[in-house]
Protein backbone atom coordinates (compact mmCIF):
# COMPACT_ATOMS: atom_id res chain seq x y z
CA UNK A 1 0.00 0.00 0.00
CA UNK A 2 1.43 3.34 -1.00
CA UNK A 3 2.11 5.84 1.75
CA UNK A 4 -0.56 8.24 0.42
CA UNK A 5 -3.12 5.41 0.38
CA UNK A 6 -2.25 4.50 3.95
CA UNK A 7 -2.57 8.13 5.02
CA UNK A 8 -5.89 8.43 3.22
CA UNK A 9 -7.20 5.27 4.87
CA UNK A 10 -6.07 6.47 8.28
CA UNK A 11 -7.76 9.83 7.76
CA UNK A 12 -11.02 8.17 6.68
CA UNK A 13 -10.97 5.92 9.76
CA UNK A 14 -10.18 8.85 12.03
CA UNK A 15 -13.02 10.90 10.54
CA UNK A 16 -15.40 7.98 10.98
CA UNK A 17 -14.41 7.68 14.63
CA UNK A 18 -14.67 11.42 15.26
CA UNK A 19 -18.12 11.42 13.62
CA UNK A 20 -19.46 9.52 16.65
CA UNK A 21 -20.30 6.44 14.55
CA UNK A 22 -18.56 4.09 16.97
CA UNK A 23 -20.13 2.94 20.20
CA UNK A 24 -19.34 4.55 23.54
CA UNK A 25 -17.34 2.98 26.34
CA UNK A 26 -20.51 2.66 28.41
CA UNK A 27 -22.37 0.87 25.61
CA UNK A 28 -19.51 -1.56 24.97
CA UNK A 29 -19.02 -2.25 28.68
CA UNK A 30 -22.73 -2.93 29.12
CA UNK A 31 -22.68 -5.34 26.16
CA UNK A 32 -19.74 -7.29 27.60
CA UNK A 33 -21.32 -7.42 31.06
CA UNK A 34 -24.68 -8.49 29.61
CA UNK A 35 -23.04 -11.25 27.59
CA UNK A 36 -21.22 -12.53 30.68
CA UNK A 37 -24.43 -12.41 32.74
CA UNK A 38 -26.28 -14.32 30.03
CA UNK A 39 -23.61 -17.01 29.99
CA UNK A 40 -23.70 -17.30 33.78
CA UNK A 41 -27.50 -17.44 33.79
CA UNK A 42 -27.54 -20.25 31.21
CA UNK A 43 -24.32 -21.97 32.24
CA UNK A 44 -25.91 -25.27 33.23
CA UNK A 45 -27.93 -25.44 30.02
CA UNK A 46 -24.75 -24.82 28.02
CA UNK A 47 -22.86 -27.48 29.97
CA UNK A 48 -25.72 -29.94 29.43
CA UNK A 49 -25.86 -29.19 25.70
CA UNK A 50 -22.11 -29.72 25.23
CA UNK A 51 -22.33 -32.91 27.27
CA UNK A 52 -25.25 -34.17 25.19
CA UNK A 53 -23.50 -33.37 21.90
CA UNK A 54 -19.89 -34.27 22.72
CA UNK A 55 -20.09 -36.27 25.97
CA UNK A 56 -17.77 -33.83 27.74
CA UNK A 57 -18.05 -33.85 31.54
CA UNK A 58 -19.03 -30.57 33.23
CA UNK A 59 -15.52 -29.85 34.51
CA UNK A 60 -14.06 -30.24 31.02
CA UNK A 61 -16.74 -27.99 29.50
CA UNK A 62 -15.89 -25.32 32.05
CA UNK A 63 -12.13 -25.76 31.68
CA UNK A 64 -12.04 -25.79 27.88
CA UNK A 65 -15.09 -23.77 26.88
CA UNK A 66 -16.81 -21.55 29.40
CA UNK A 67 -13.83 -20.79 31.62
CA UNK A 68 -11.89 -19.52 28.62
CA UNK A 69 -14.78 -17.29 27.56
CA UNK A 70 -15.18 -15.91 31.09
CA UNK A 71 -11.46 -15.14 31.28
CA UNK A 72 -11.54 -13.38 27.89
CA UNK A 73 -14.61 -11.37 28.89
CA UNK A 74 -12.98 -10.35 32.18
CA UNK A 75 -9.87 -9.24 30.30
CA UNK A 76 -11.92 -7.31 27.74
CA UNK A 77 -13.86 -5.57 30.53
CA UNK A 78 -10.62 -4.75 32.33
CA UNK A 79 -8.83 -3.46 29.22
CA UNK A 80 -11.74 -1.84 27.37
CA UNK A 81 -10.88 1.71 28.35
CA UNK A 82 -7.24 1.26 27.28
CA UNK A 83 -8.23 -0.40 24.00
CA UNK A 84 -10.51 2.52 23.12
CA UNK A 85 -7.74 5.12 23.38
């Protein structure tokens, strides 16, 4: 990509951001927290479904599926403000 094309792309992205087209910190944080709450609320149903489909025991579902998602959500919630700078 030529330098002028890169500069043009950067300027278009910056203008898009400054035009308030992106979502606010509060909106994004609420979405992450809502997603985590939904997972927690339906955790047993998710564990049961994975067990029914793949015969994974509950501990393995948590260790390899849900636990990873919870950790990623916690990290995203923690870092969201920094990532939006």
